[in-house]
């Protein structure tokens, strides 16, 4: 793939931590870097990898830079601290040089054409100058069989499915589709002004929902659903209820533009303290319940409104 040094539209923030050079995360990082087209800056945030891995990531950055791709590394001295997605994403956003940032897990992937459509969508909504138009990129969480199927098509440069219409969904190969995903696309200056992710969320779990809660409170897209503070789970959305259904509205237009990513399957991570769902979701609910009584104006939020009934047509 040919790259040209030019002004980038958005910075893709990719946090990771690895213990070995041949670890799955490093292999997927290389695949991702080979896929992301020109127009994006990629910020790799190494949040406490082993020294050998850190040096390997430096070599990856140097090699990609020599090839003309805009890639930079941020290296945190956090090896003896619990891995924190919130911390890593914040450091990446601060280092970004583009007006728009995209929070992108190393397990997310799509064909280059999907990222090109995403680039076009960012331009169309004028996110560089209109922070109220932040959105989420939908992510389809694949099963193990679905991951193998997807990668076989990916290697052949074929888009296995586009997720634009319900009948195209490979339900037998994916666990669920998340429209209000952690792949949040937002104006960098606006994000930093509001403090970024809440680093009180440790490890993995709910830190993205807390950020979406604050962003959506500033820039509402529709009236909040009943039982907004309730976690309805990650399965299909069958009714407009709970915060997941509300945040899913922020991924609706992006899905219609054919910008859905996939989350490649992997065994559950075993590192101590990585999954802190119980503690983090308890913290999230406390934040939401504190704010839920506050009123906000749909009229003056500055962004186009969406009919929540459209969401239920997706599932």
Protein backbone atom coordinates (compact mmCIF):
# COMPACT_ATOMS: atom_id res chain seq x y z
CA UNK A 1 0.00 0.00 0.00
CA UNK A 2 1.32 3.44 -0.94
CA UNK A 3 1.14 6.30 1.53
CA UNK A 4 1.69 10.01 1.10
CA UNK A 5 2.73 12.42 3.82
CA UNK A 6 -0.16 14.87 3.96
CA UNK A 7 -2.52 16.50 6.41
CA UNK A 8 -4.52 13.80 8.14
CA UNK A 9 -8.26 13.94 8.74
CA UNK A 10 -8.34 11.75 11.86
CA UNK A 11 -6.02 10.04 14.35
CA UNK A 12 -6.69 6.37 15.10
CA UNK A 13 -5.79 5.66 18.75
CA UNK A 14 -4.78 2.01 19.31
CA UNK A 15 -3.98 1.04 22.93
CA UNK A 16 -2.27 -2.24 23.74
CA UNK A 17 -0.12 -4.14 26.18
CA UNK A 18 1.77 -7.31 25.30
CA UNK A 19 4.22 -9.66 26.98
CA UNK A 20 5.73 -11.29 23.88
CA UNK A 21 6.64 -10.17 20.37
CA UNK A 22 4.65 -13.03 18.80
CA UNK A 23 1.55 -12.29 20.87
CA UNK A 24 -1.80 -12.02 19.11
CA UNK A 25 -2.07 -8.28 19.76
CA UNK A 26 1.19 -7.57 17.89
CA UNK A 27 0.18 -9.70 14.92
CA UNK A 28 -3.16 -7.92 14.73
CA UNK A 29 -1.48 -4.55 15.06
CA UNK A 30 0.65 -5.30 11.98
CA UNK A 31 -2.42 -6.36 10.00
CA UNK A 32 -4.25 -3.20 11.03
CA UNK A 33 -1.35 -0.95 9.99
CA UNK A 34 -1.24 -2.65 6.61
CA UNK A 35 -4.97 -1.95 6.20
CA UNK A 36 -5.54 1.65 7.31
CA UNK A 37 -5.30 3.93 4.26
CA UNK A 38 -3.86 7.40 3.78
CA UNK A 39 -5.78 10.20 5.45
CA UNK A 40 -5.38 8.71 8.91
CA UNK A 41 -2.67 9.14 11.51
CA UNK A 42 -2.20 6.06 13.70
CA UNK A 43 -1.18 6.51 17.35
CA UNK A 44 -0.04 3.28 19.02
CA UNK A 45 -0.23 3.62 22.80
CA UNK A 46 1.95 1.04 24.51
CA UNK A 47 0.58 0.95 28.04
CA UNK A 48 3.25 -1.02 29.86
CA UNK A 49 4.41 -3.78 27.50
CA UNK A 50 7.53 -5.79 28.30
CA UNK A 51 10.79 -4.04 27.25
CA UNK A 52 11.42 -6.45 24.36
CA UNK A 53 7.91 -5.84 23.02
CA UNK A 54 8.26 -2.08 23.44
CA UNK A 55 11.43 -2.12 21.36
CA UNK A 56 9.69 -4.22 18.73
CA UNK A 57 6.83 -1.70 18.54
CA UNK A 58 9.41 1.09 18.06
CA UNK A 59 10.81 -0.85 15.08
CA UNK A 60 7.29 -1.26 13.66
CA UNK A 61 6.70 2.50 13.93
CA UNK A 62 10.05 3.29 12.31
CA UNK A 63 9.47 0.87 9.45
CA UNK A 64 5.95 2.12 8.71
CA UNK A 65 7.16 5.73 8.86
CA UNK A 66 9.91 4.99 6.32
CA UNK A 67 7.19 3.58 4.05
CA UNK A 68 5.39 6.92 4.25
CA UNK A 69 2.59 5.98 6.64
CA UNK A 70 1.85 8.46 9.43
CA UNK A 71 2.37 6.35 12.54
CA UNK A 72 3.62 7.39 15.98
CA UNK A 73 4.18 5.55 19.22
CA UNK A 74 3.38 6.67 22.75
CA UNK A 75 5.15 4.63 25.44
CA UNK A 76 3.87 4.71 29.01
CA UNK A 77 5.95 3.60 32.00
CA UNK A 78 3.10 1.60 33.46
CA UNK A 79 4.39 -1.99 33.33
CA UNK A 80 3.83 -2.50 37.06
CA UNK A 81 0.39 -0.86 37.06
CA UNK A 82 -2.94 -2.32 35.98
CA UNK A 83 -3.61 -1.86 32.25
CA UNK A 84 -6.02 1.02 31.70
CA UNK A 85 -7.88 1.63 28.45
CA UNK A 86 -9.05 5.02 29.75
CA UNK A 87 -5.49 6.12 30.50
CA UNK A 88 -4.11 4.82 27.20
CA UNK A 89 -6.85 6.45 25.13
CA UNK A 90 -6.36 9.79 26.88
CA UNK A 91 -2.60 9.76 26.27
CA UNK A 92 -3.19 8.90 22.63
CA UNK A 93 -5.69 11.73 22.20
CA UNK A 94 -3.24 14.22 23.69
CA UNK A 95 -0.52 13.07 21.30
CA UNK A 96 -2.80 13.19 18.23
CA UNK A 97 -2.15 15.85 15.59
CA UNK A 98 -5.42 15.51 13.70
CA UNK A 99 -8.62 17.44 14.50
CA UNK A 100 -10.60 14.20 14.94
CA UNK A 101 -9.75 11.13 17.04
CA UNK A 102 -11.00 7.56 16.70
CA UNK A 103 -10.69 5.11 19.60
CA UNK A 104 -9.88 1.80 17.97
CA UNK A 105 -9.13 -1.50 19.75
CA UNK A 106 -6.39 -3.67 18.29
CA UNK A 107 -8.96 -6.45 17.73
CA UNK A 108 -11.12 -4.28 15.44
CA UNK A 109 -10.71 -4.64 11.68
CA UNK A 110 -12.28 -3.97 8.28
CA UNK A 111 -11.16 -3.72 4.67
CA UNK A 112 -9.38 -0.53 3.59
CA UNK A 113 -12.52 0.43 1.65
CA UNK A 114 -14.49 0.57 4.91
CA UNK A 115 -11.95 2.96 6.44
CA UNK A 116 -12.13 5.08 3.29
CA UNK A 117 -15.91 5.29 3.69
CA UNK A 118 -15.36 6.23 7.33
CA UNK A 119 -13.00 9.00 6.23
CA UNK A 120 -15.67 10.28 3.85
CA UNK A 121 -18.31 10.20 6.60
CA UNK A 122 -16.08 12.23 8.95
CA UNK A 123 -15.72 14.85 6.23
CA UNK A 124 -19.44 14.85 5.42
CA UNK A 125 -20.48 15.56 9.03
CA UNK A 126 -17.70 18.20 9.33
CA UNK A 127 -16.55 16.76 12.63
CA UNK A 128 -13.32 18.79 12.57
CA UNK A 129 -15.36 21.94 13.16
CA UNK A 130 -18.66 20.57 14.49
CA UNK A 131 -18.04 18.55 17.69
CA UNK A 132 -21.78 18.07 18.17
CA UNK A 133 -21.66 15.55 15.30
CA UNK A 134 -19.60 12.94 17.17
CA UNK A 135 -20.59 9.36 16.42
CA UNK A 136 -19.79 5.70 17.05
CA UNK A 137 -18.56 3.17 14.51
CA UNK A 138 -20.68 0.00 14.83
CA UNK A 139 -18.74 -3.16 15.69
CA UNK A 140 -19.85 -6.74 14.99
CA UNK A 141 -18.39 -9.11 17.60
CA UNK A 142 -17.59 -12.31 15.76
CA UNK A 143 -17.54 -15.87 16.97
CA UNK A 144 -14.45 -18.00 16.37
CA UNK A 145 -15.94 -19.48 13.20
CA UNK A 146 -17.02 -16.02 12.05
CA UNK A 147 -13.49 -14.70 12.53
CA UNK A 148 -12.06 -17.45 10.34
CA UNK A 149 -14.71 -16.76 7.69
CA UNK A 150 -14.11 -13.03 7.79
CA UNK A 151 -10.30 -13.32 7.56
CA UNK A 152 -10.54 -15.70 4.60
CA UNK A 153 -12.52 -13.02 2.72
CA UNK A 154 -10.29 -10.28 4.09
CA UNK A 155 -7.13 -11.91 2.72
CA UNK A 156 -8.84 -12.08 -0.68
CA UNK A 157 -9.73 -8.37 -0.39
CA UNK A 158 -13.42 -9.22 -0.38
CA UNK A 159 -15.94 -7.64 1.94
CA UNK A 160 -17.71 -10.59 3.52
CA UNK A 161 -20.78 -8.54 4.42
CA UNK A 162 -21.60 -4.88 4.80
CA UNK A 163 -24.16 -4.83 7.66
CA UNK A 164 -26.20 -2.13 5.94
CA UNK A 165 -29.35 -4.27 5.90
CA UNK A 166 -30.70 -6.75 8.38
CA UNK A 167 -30.89 -9.67 5.96
CA UNK A 168 -27.12 -9.36 5.37
CA UNK A 169 -26.22 -10.05 9.01
CA UNK A 170 -24.30 -13.32 9.50
CA UNK A 171 -26.13 -14.14 12.75
CA UNK A 172 -24.67 -17.63 12.87
CA UNK A 173 -21.14 -16.20 12.81
CA UNK A 174 -21.40 -13.27 15.20
CA UNK A 175 -22.34 -12.89 18.84
CA UNK A 176 -23.88 -9.44 18.57
CA UNK A 177 -23.68 -6.07 16.83
CA UNK A 178 -22.87 -3.02 18.97
CA UNK A 179 -23.78 0.29 17.33
CA UNK A 180 -22.94 2.41 20.40
CA UNK A 181 -19.46 0.95 20.56
CA UNK A 182 -16.16 1.98 22.17
CA UNK A 183 -15.03 3.03 18.66
CA UNK A 184 -16.02 6.63 19.35
CA UNK A 185 -15.19 9.28 16.72
CA UNK A 186 -15.02 12.75 18.18
CA UNK A 187 -13.54 16.21 17.84
CA UNK A 188 -10.14 16.18 19.57
CA UNK A 189 -10.21 19.68 21.07
CA UNK A 190 -13.73 19.20 22.39
CA UNK A 191 -12.78 15.84 23.89
CA UNK A 192 -9.74 17.24 25.68
CA UNK A 193 -11.72 20.23 26.93
CA UNK A 194 -14.19 17.88 28.64
CA UNK A 195 -11.42 15.79 30.19
CA UNK A 196 -11.40 12.73 27.93
CA UNK A 197 -12.08 9.31 29.43
CA UNK A 198 -12.58 9.06 33.18
CA UNK A 199 -9.42 7.34 34.44
CA UNK A 200 -11.25 6.28 37.58
CA UNK A 201 -12.36 3.32 35.45
CA UNK A 202 -9.63 0.70 35.80
CA UNK A 203 -8.87 -2.11 33.38
CA UNK A 204 -11.60 -2.85 30.83
CA UNK A 205 -15.31 -2.20 31.11
CA UNK A 206 -17.80 0.72 30.99
CA UNK A 207 -15.25 3.50 30.50
CA UNK A 208 -16.56 4.00 26.95
CA UNK A 209 -20.18 4.19 28.15
CA UNK A 210 -19.25 6.87 30.68
CA UNK A 211 -17.68 8.99 27.94
CA UNK A 212 -20.72 8.42 25.71
CA UNK A 213 -22.95 9.50 28.61
CA UNK A 214 -21.14 12.84 28.90
CA UNK A 215 -20.93 13.39 25.14
CA UNK A 216 -24.60 12.55 24.61
CA UNK A 217 -25.61 14.80 27.51
CA UNK A 218 -23.92 17.68 25.70
CA UNK A 219 -25.10 16.71 22.24
CA UNK A 220 -28.34 14.69 22.53
CA UNK A 221 -29.60 12.92 19.44
CA UNK A 222 -33.11 12.04 20.69
CA UNK A 223 -35.11 11.93 23.92
CA UNK A 224 -33.54 9.46 26.35
CA UNK A 225 -35.34 6.11 26.58
CA UNK A 226 -37.17 4.77 29.63
CA UNK A 227 -34.86 3.30 32.29
CA UNK A 228 -31.91 5.13 30.76
CA UNK A 229 -29.52 4.12 33.56
CA UNK A 230 -30.30 0.41 33.17
CA UNK A 231 -27.79 -1.97 31.54
CA UNK A 232 -29.90 -4.15 29.25
CA UNK A 233 -26.95 -6.33 28.20
CA UNK A 234 -25.09 -6.63 24.91
CA UNK A 235 -27.64 -8.74 23.02
CA UNK A 236 -29.97 -7.55 20.24
CA UNK A 237 -31.89 -4.35 20.94
CA UNK A 238 -35.58 -5.21 20.76
CA UNK A 239 -36.99 -2.12 22.48
CA UNK A 240 -35.99 1.46 23.03
CA UNK A 241 -35.00 1.09 26.68
CA UNK A 242 -31.74 1.50 28.63
CA UNK A 243 -28.55 3.40 27.82
CA UNK A 244 -27.28 0.88 25.26
CA UNK A 245 -30.30 1.52 23.04
CA UNK A 246 -29.76 5.27 23.32
CA UNK A 247 -26.04 5.13 22.50
CA UNK A 248 -26.81 2.84 19.54
CA UNK A 249 -28.48 5.81 17.85
CA UNK A 250 -25.05 7.43 17.52
CA UNK A 251 -23.92 4.57 15.26
CA UNK A 252 -26.98 4.45 13.00
CA UNK A 253 -25.81 6.79 10.23
CA UNK A 254 -22.33 5.27 10.21
CA UNK A 255 -23.79 1.77 9.77
CA UNK A 256 -25.94 2.98 6.89
CA UNK A 257 -22.79 4.35 5.23
CA UNK A 258 -21.24 0.86 5.32
CA UNK A 259 -18.65 1.67 7.99
CA UNK A 260 -19.16 -1.29 10.34
CA UNK A 261 -16.01 -2.89 11.78
CA UNK A 262 -15.66 -6.39 13.17
CA UNK A 263 -14.17 -7.49 16.48
CA UNK A 264 -12.04 -10.55 15.85
CA UNK A 265 -12.62 -13.40 18.29
CA UNK A 266 -10.00 -14.21 20.90
CA UNK A 267 -9.95 -16.31 24.08
CA UNK A 268 -10.85 -14.42 27.21
CA UNK A 269 -7.82 -12.57 28.55
CA UNK A 270 -6.36 -14.05 31.71
CA UNK A 271 -4.23 -11.19 33.06
CA UNK A 272 -5.20 -10.24 36.59
CA UNK A 273 -7.36 -7.16 36.91
CA UNK A 274 -8.05 -6.69 33.19
CA UNK A 275 -11.80 -7.33 33.40
CA UNK A 276 -13.42 -5.14 36.05
CA UNK A 277 -16.97 -5.11 34.77
CA UNK A 278 -18.66 -5.37 38.17
CA UNK A 279 -16.74 -2.45 39.69
CA UNK A 280 -16.80 -0.31 36.56
CA UNK A 281 -20.51 -0.73 35.80
CA UNK A 282 -21.31 0.10 39.40
CA UNK A 283 -19.31 3.30 38.99
CA UNK A 284 -21.08 4.02 35.68
CA UNK A 285 -24.53 3.65 37.21
CA UNK A 286 -23.61 6.03 40.03
CA UNK A 287 -22.51 8.66 37.49
CA UNK A 288 -25.66 8.24 35.40
CA UNK A 289 -28.04 8.31 38.34
CA UNK A 290 -26.43 11.53 39.55
CA UNK A 291 -27.02 13.18 36.17
CA UNK A 292 -30.27 11.61 35.03
CA UNK A 293 -32.49 14.23 36.64
CA UNK A 294 -30.78 17.06 34.81
CA UNK A 295 -32.54 18.51 31.80
CA UNK A 296 -30.99 19.25 28.44
CA UNK A 297 -32.26 20.88 25.28
CA UNK A 298 -32.67 18.87 22.11
CA UNK A 299 -33.43 22.08 20.26
CA UNK A 300 -30.08 23.67 21.02
CA UNK A 301 -27.84 20.61 20.99
CA UNK A 302 -26.74 21.59 17.49
CA UNK A 303 -26.97 18.14 15.89
CA UNK A 304 -29.65 16.54 13.72
CA UNK A 305 -32.15 14.41 15.63
CA UNK A 306 -32.94 10.79 14.84
CA UNK A 307 -36.16 8.86 15.32
CA UNK A 308 -35.49 6.03 17.84
CA UNK A 309 -37.90 3.81 15.90
CA UNK A 310 -35.27 3.55 13.16
CA UNK A 311 -33.02 1.71 15.60
CA UNK A 312 -35.46 -1.17 16.00
CA UNK A 313 -35.48 -1.70 12.23
CA UNK A 314 -31.83 -2.75 12.46
CA UNK A 315 -32.38 -5.83 14.61
